[in-house]
Amino acid sequence: MKRFSLGFTPQKVQTVFQEGDSRFVLLSLMPGQGLTKHRTKQRLVLTVLTGEIEFTVGDNTDVVLPSEMLTVDPLVEHAVVAKQKSTVLLTLIPQTGSDEKTGAAKARTLTHENAYMHPDMISQIAPELRPLVDDHVRLCELLDAPALDDQAAEMNRLERVLSTVHKELNEHFILEEKYVFPLMARHVGGEDVGPVARLLEEHAHIRQLHQEAAQLFGLAREQADPHAFALLGQKSEELAVSLLNHLGKEDSHLFPMASRLLTDEEKAQIRQHLSQN
């Protein structure tokens, strides 16, 4: 027999017991603290021991009180925020046949192929746009690297990934939004409908995923807990897949389309702007 204390601790996230892929995690949260949007590969059972929390699934937020319990299916995105000093027990139950490994990613299924995977795509893209594709290739190479078994080494890898993506968001995405998308919008119905609108939505979604991943990275570095590391691995993989698919959509659709639709003058404008940045 083993006995565990479930009282409030200075550690915000603490795995108190783990057996295989089953895990019992204690959250000790001060008002306003919590876990940003994330998913778990196991079924989650959340029980509030003390305090009061807000639990969000999708657009719905519920207040959960002591002695109340709720369940969440695997891979359903959710978030937790304490309304007052709270202790919460998370019970993670693996599904039958689950092969979840802490911090590790399953084989990816991408819906759009990119120029890193298929360099022959570059021949369909105008020279003026190829510096953007070169950025994609360098980023895809980094995102395509497999997760590492050693946790310290994997944390270093993820830190480099998040730093590189941050630079991408603040440089490459801005160049596209200021110079490429507005010119394309002239030819495909504007920025509020059609492909340009969809790409702008994806930019916003990727920025949100990066922000959430950065928050979970800080949590995993601060707490050094298996559960925090698992949440970071899941969110980082979600970010990587979303970004790889987005870059693939631009490599295989947007840039070839722009190469045909944009006038020589518009392409020259893009070349000039890219050379200045």
Protein backbone atom coordinates (compact mmCIF):
# COMPACT_ATOMS: atom_id res chain seq x y z
CA MET A 1 0.00 0.00 0.00
CA LYS A 2 1.17 3.54 -0.81
CA ARG A 3 -0.12 6.80 0.65
CA PHE A 4 0.12 10.20 -1.04
CA SER A 5 -0.48 13.71 0.22
CA LEU A 6 -2.87 15.78 -1.89
CA GLY A 7 -2.44 19.03 -0.02
CA PHE A 8 -1.46 22.34 -1.63
CA THR A 9 2.24 22.46 -2.58
CA PRO A 10 4.61 25.13 -3.95
CA GLN A 11 4.87 23.07 -7.16
CA LYS A 12 2.06 24.03 -9.54
CA VAL A 13 2.09 20.69 -11.41
CA GLN A 14 3.15 17.52 -9.62
CA THR A 15 2.82 13.94 -10.82
CA VAL A 16 2.08 12.11 -7.57
CA PHE A 17 1.78 8.61 -9.04
CA GLN A 18 2.27 6.97 -12.43
CA GLU A 19 1.66 3.40 -13.52
CA GLY A 20 2.36 2.81 -17.19
CA ASP A 21 0.41 5.45 -19.12
CA SER A 22 -1.97 6.06 -16.21
CA ARG A 23 -1.07 9.18 -14.26
CA PHE A 24 -2.32 11.07 -11.20
CA VAL A 25 -1.37 14.74 -11.24
CA LEU A 26 -1.91 17.31 -8.50
CA LEU A 27 -2.43 20.95 -9.51
CA SER A 28 -1.76 23.55 -6.80
CA LEU A 29 -3.00 26.85 -8.21
CA MET A 30 -3.13 30.37 -6.84
CA PRO A 31 -5.89 32.68 -8.13
CA GLY A 32 -5.41 33.34 -11.84
CA GLN A 33 -2.98 30.47 -12.33
CA GLY A 34 -3.79 27.51 -14.55
CA LEU A 35 -2.93 25.57 -17.66
CA THR A 36 -3.34 27.16 -21.09
CA LYS A 37 -5.25 25.37 -23.86
CA HIS A 38 -3.90 21.85 -24.32
CA ARG A 39 -4.88 18.26 -25.08
CA THR A 40 -4.10 14.92 -23.45
CA LYS A 41 -3.88 11.60 -25.24
CA GLN A 42 -5.61 9.87 -22.33
CA ARG A 43 -9.12 10.30 -20.97
CA LEU A 44 -9.03 12.99 -18.27
CA VAL A 45 -10.92 12.91 -14.99
CA LEU A 46 -10.68 16.21 -13.10
CA THR A 47 -11.64 16.43 -9.42
CA VAL A 48 -11.54 19.68 -7.45
CA LEU A 49 -10.31 19.02 -3.92
CA THR A 50 -10.27 22.58 -2.60
CA GLY A 51 -10.99 26.03 -4.02
CA GLU A 52 -12.81 26.84 -7.24
CA ILE A 53 -11.74 26.64 -10.88
CA GLU A 54 -12.96 27.61 -14.34
CA PHE A 55 -12.73 24.77 -16.82
CA THR A 56 -13.00 25.63 -20.52
CA VAL A 57 -13.75 23.25 -23.38
CA GLY A 58 -14.14 24.97 -26.74
CA ASP A 59 -16.33 28.04 -26.20
CA ASN A 60 -17.91 26.69 -23.01
CA THR A 61 -16.57 27.58 -19.55
CA ASP A 62 -17.91 25.94 -16.37
CA VAL A 63 -17.12 26.63 -12.72
CA VAL A 64 -16.11 23.47 -10.85
CA LEU A 65 -16.37 23.38 -7.04
CA PRO A 66 -14.89 21.07 -4.35
CA SER A 67 -16.08 17.46 -4.49
CA GLU A 68 -17.19 17.93 -8.11
CA MET A 69 -15.70 15.87 -10.91
CA LEU A 70 -15.83 16.06 -14.69
CA THR A 71 -14.41 14.00 -17.54
CA VAL A 72 -12.88 14.94 -20.88
CA ASP A 73 -12.36 12.63 -23.85
CA PRO A 74 -8.85 12.14 -25.27
CA LEU A 75 -7.49 14.91 -27.53
CA VAL A 76 -10.28 17.35 -26.63
CA GLU A 77 -8.73 20.79 -26.12
CA HIS A 78 -9.32 22.33 -22.69
CA ALA A 79 -7.92 24.87 -20.22
CA VAL A 80 -7.95 25.34 -16.44
CA VAL A 81 -7.83 28.59 -14.43
CA ALA A 82 -8.16 28.89 -10.64
CA LYS A 83 -10.66 31.46 -9.35
CA GLN A 84 -9.22 31.08 -5.85
CA LYS A 85 -6.44 29.09 -4.21
CA SER A 86 -7.21 25.54 -5.38
CA THR A 87 -5.99 21.98 -5.42
CA VAL A 88 -7.12 19.78 -8.31
CA LEU A 89 -6.49 16.09 -8.91
CA LEU A 90 -6.11 15.05 -12.55
CA THR A 91 -6.51 11.36 -13.34
CA LEU A 92 -5.34 10.39 -16.82
CA ILE A 93 -6.63 7.05 -18.06
CA PRO A 94 -5.12 5.55 -21.24
CA GLN A 95 -7.47 4.26 -23.90
CA THR A 96 -7.25 0.63 -24.94
CA GLY A 97 -4.41 0.22 -27.41
CA SER A 98 -2.87 3.61 -26.55
CA ASP A 99 0.84 3.90 -27.34
CA GLU A 100 1.27 7.33 -25.77
CA LYS A 101 4.83 8.16 -24.78
CA THR A 102 5.68 11.20 -22.69
CA GLY A 103 6.90 14.03 -24.90
CA ALA A 104 7.01 11.90 -28.05
CA ALA A 105 5.05 12.48 -31.24
CA LYS A 106 3.21 9.96 -33.38
CA ALA A 107 3.84 9.69 -37.09
CA ARG A 108 2.48 12.76 -38.82
CA THR A 109 -0.18 12.88 -41.46
CA LEU A 110 0.14 16.08 -43.49
CA THR A 111 -2.56 17.38 -45.81
CA HIS A 112 -0.22 19.60 -47.86
CA GLU A 113 3.26 18.79 -49.13
CA ASN A 114 5.95 21.46 -49.05
CA ALA A 115 9.05 22.42 -51.00
CA TYR A 116 11.29 20.88 -48.36
CA MET A 117 9.71 17.50 -49.08
CA HIS A 118 9.52 18.09 -52.85
CA PRO A 119 12.21 20.51 -54.12
CA ASP A 120 10.81 20.21 -57.65
CA MET A 121 7.97 22.52 -56.53
CA ILE A 122 10.40 25.44 -56.61
CA SER A 123 10.56 25.34 -60.42
CA GLN A 124 6.88 26.42 -60.52
CA ILE A 125 7.53 29.50 -58.39
CA ALA A 126 8.68 32.87 -59.75
CA PRO A 127 12.24 33.91 -58.76
CA GLU A 128 10.87 36.96 -56.94
CA LEU A 129 9.03 34.69 -54.47
CA ARG A 130 11.76 32.12 -53.94
CA PRO A 131 13.36 33.85 -50.93
CA LEU A 132 10.10 33.12 -49.08
CA VAL A 133 10.28 29.49 -50.16
CA ASP A 134 13.91 29.32 -48.97
CA ASP A 135 12.66 30.44 -45.53
CA HIS A 136 10.07 27.66 -45.64
CA VAL A 137 12.65 25.00 -46.46
CA ARG A 138 14.90 26.00 -43.55
CA LEU A 139 11.98 26.00 -41.12
CA CYS A 140 10.56 22.70 -42.40
CA GLU A 141 13.95 21.04 -41.92
CA LEU A 142 13.88 22.08 -38.27
CA LEU A 143 10.25 21.06 -37.74
CA ASP A 144 10.83 17.71 -39.42
CA ALA A 145 13.50 16.66 -36.91
CA PRO A 146 12.27 13.81 -34.66
CA ALA A 147 11.66 14.19 -30.95
CA LEU A 148 14.58 13.09 -28.76
CA ASP A 149 14.31 10.44 -26.07
CA ASP A 150 16.44 12.36 -23.58
CA GLN A 151 14.24 14.96 -21.88
CA ALA A 152 16.97 17.57 -21.42
CA ALA A 153 18.02 17.26 -25.06
CA GLU A 154 14.39 17.43 -26.20
CA MET A 155 13.83 20.59 -24.16
CA ASN A 156 16.83 22.16 -25.88
CA ARG A 157 15.47 21.12 -29.28
CA LEU A 158 12.03 22.53 -28.53
CA GLU A 159 13.54 25.78 -27.28
CA ARG A 160 15.30 26.17 -30.63
CA VAL A 161 12.10 25.32 -32.52
CA LEU A 162 10.01 27.84 -30.59
CA SER A 163 12.67 30.53 -30.98
CA THR A 164 12.87 29.95 -34.74
CA VAL A 165 9.09 29.94 -35.13
CA HIS A 166 8.91 33.18 -33.13
CA LYS A 167 11.29 34.77 -35.63
CA GLU A 168 9.19 33.37 -38.49
CA LEU A 169 6.04 34.93 -37.07
CA ASN A 170 7.64 38.33 -36.57
CA GLU A 171 9.50 38.52 -39.86
CA HIS A 172 8.32 36.11 -42.56
CA PHE A 173 4.60 36.25 -41.71
CA ILE A 174 4.73 40.05 -41.57
CA LEU A 175 6.36 40.26 -45.01
CA GLU A 176 3.64 38.06 -46.47
CA GLU A 177 0.85 40.04 -44.79
CA LYS A 178 2.22 43.44 -45.84
CA TYR A 179 3.42 42.73 -49.37
CA VAL A 180 2.33 39.38 -50.83
CA PHE A 181 -1.23 38.88 -49.60
CA PRO A 182 -2.50 42.38 -50.55
CA LEU A 183 -1.21 41.98 -54.10
CA MET A 184 -2.72 38.51 -54.40
CA ALA A 185 -6.02 39.82 -53.01
CA ARG A 186 -6.36 42.04 -56.08
CA HIS A 187 -6.57 38.93 -58.26
CA VAL A 188 -8.55 36.49 -56.09
CA GLY A 189 -11.46 38.47 -54.66
CA GLY A 190 -10.00 40.45 -51.77
CA GLU A 191 -8.57 39.76 -48.32
CA ASP A 192 -11.90 39.01 -46.61
CA VAL A 193 -12.87 35.98 -48.73
CA GLY A 194 -11.14 33.18 -50.62
CA PRO A 195 -7.58 31.91 -50.24
CA VAL A 196 -6.04 35.08 -48.79
CA ALA A 197 -8.65 35.22 -46.02
CA ARG A 198 -7.98 31.56 -45.20
CA LEU A 199 -4.22 32.09 -45.05
CA LEU A 200 -4.66 35.06 -42.72
CA GLU A 201 -6.83 32.90 -40.45
CA GLU A 202 -4.09 30.28 -40.40
CA HIS A 203 -1.51 32.93 -39.49
CA ALA A 204 -3.63 33.92 -36.50
CA HIS A 205 -4.13 30.29 -35.48
CA ILE A 206 -0.41 29.51 -35.69
CA ARG A 207 0.42 32.60 -33.61
CA GLN A 208 -2.02 31.36 -30.96
CA LEU A 209 -0.52 27.85 -30.98
CA HIS A 210 2.97 29.29 -30.61
CA GLN A 211 1.89 31.42 -27.66
CA GLU A 212 0.35 28.37 -25.96
CA ALA A 213 3.43 26.24 -26.68
CA ALA A 214 5.70 28.95 -25.25
CA GLN A 215 3.61 29.04 -22.06
CA LEU A 216 3.80 25.26 -21.72
CA PHE A 217 7.55 25.35 -22.38
CA GLY A 218 7.93 27.76 -19.48
CA LEU A 219 5.83 25.47 -17.30
CA ALA A 220 7.85 22.36 -18.23
CA ARG A 221 11.15 24.15 -17.61
CA GLU A 222 9.96 25.53 -14.27
CA GLN A 223 8.19 22.42 -12.95
CA ALA A 224 10.35 19.62 -14.43
CA ASP A 225 7.33 17.29 -14.16
CA PRO A 226 6.44 14.45 -16.57
CA HIS A 227 2.91 15.76 -17.05
CA ALA A 228 4.09 19.27 -17.90
CA PHE A 229 6.60 17.77 -20.36
CA ALA A 230 3.88 15.63 -21.97
CA LEU A 231 1.61 18.66 -22.44
CA LEU A 232 4.48 20.56 -24.06
CA GLY A 233 5.21 17.67 -26.42
CA GLN A 234 1.57 17.44 -27.52
CA LYS A 235 1.22 21.19 -28.07
CA SER A 236 4.55 21.47 -29.90
CA GLU A 237 3.52 18.68 -32.25
CA GLU A 238 0.20 20.42 -32.92
CA LEU A 239 2.11 23.62 -33.72
CA ALA A 240 4.54 21.78 -36.02
CA VAL A 241 1.79 20.01 -37.98
CA SER A 242 -0.25 23.21 -38.40
CA LEU A 243 2.81 25.13 -39.56
CA LEU A 244 4.02 22.40 -41.93
CA ASN A 245 0.58 22.18 -43.53
CA HIS A 246 0.38 25.97 -43.84
CA LEU A 247 3.81 26.22 -45.46
CA GLY A 248 2.87 23.36 -47.76
CA LYS A 249 -0.31 25.16 -48.80
CA GLU A 250 1.73 28.22 -49.72
CA ASP A 251 4.42 26.22 -51.55
CA SER A 252 1.99 24.07 -53.53
CA HIS A 253 -0.86 26.56 -54.09
CA LEU A 254 -0.31 30.21 -53.19
CA PHE A 255 3.14 30.81 -54.62
CA PRO A 256 2.57 28.96 -57.93
CA MET A 257 -0.74 30.83 -58.27
CA ALA A 258 0.95 34.15 -57.48
CA SER A 259 3.66 33.37 -60.02
CA ARG A 260 0.98 33.19 -62.74
CA LEU A 261 -1.42 35.94 -61.61
CA LEU A 262 0.86 38.72 -60.43
CA THR A 263 2.07 41.20 -63.02
CA ASP A 264 5.77 41.77 -63.63
CA GLU A 265 5.44 45.10 -61.84
CA GLU A 266 3.85 43.45 -58.79
CA LYS A 267 6.56 40.79 -58.69
CA ALA A 268 9.19 43.52 -58.87
CA GLN A 269 7.54 45.23 -55.88
CA ILE A 270 7.80 42.01 -53.88
CA ARG A 271 11.45 41.54 -54.87
CA GLN A 272 12.22 45.08 -53.74
CA HIS A 273 10.46 44.70 -50.40
CA LEU A 274 12.14 41.36 -49.67
CA SER A 275 15.58 42.75 -50.52
CA GLN A 276 15.03 45.57 -48.01
CA ASN A 277 14.16 43.18 -45.14
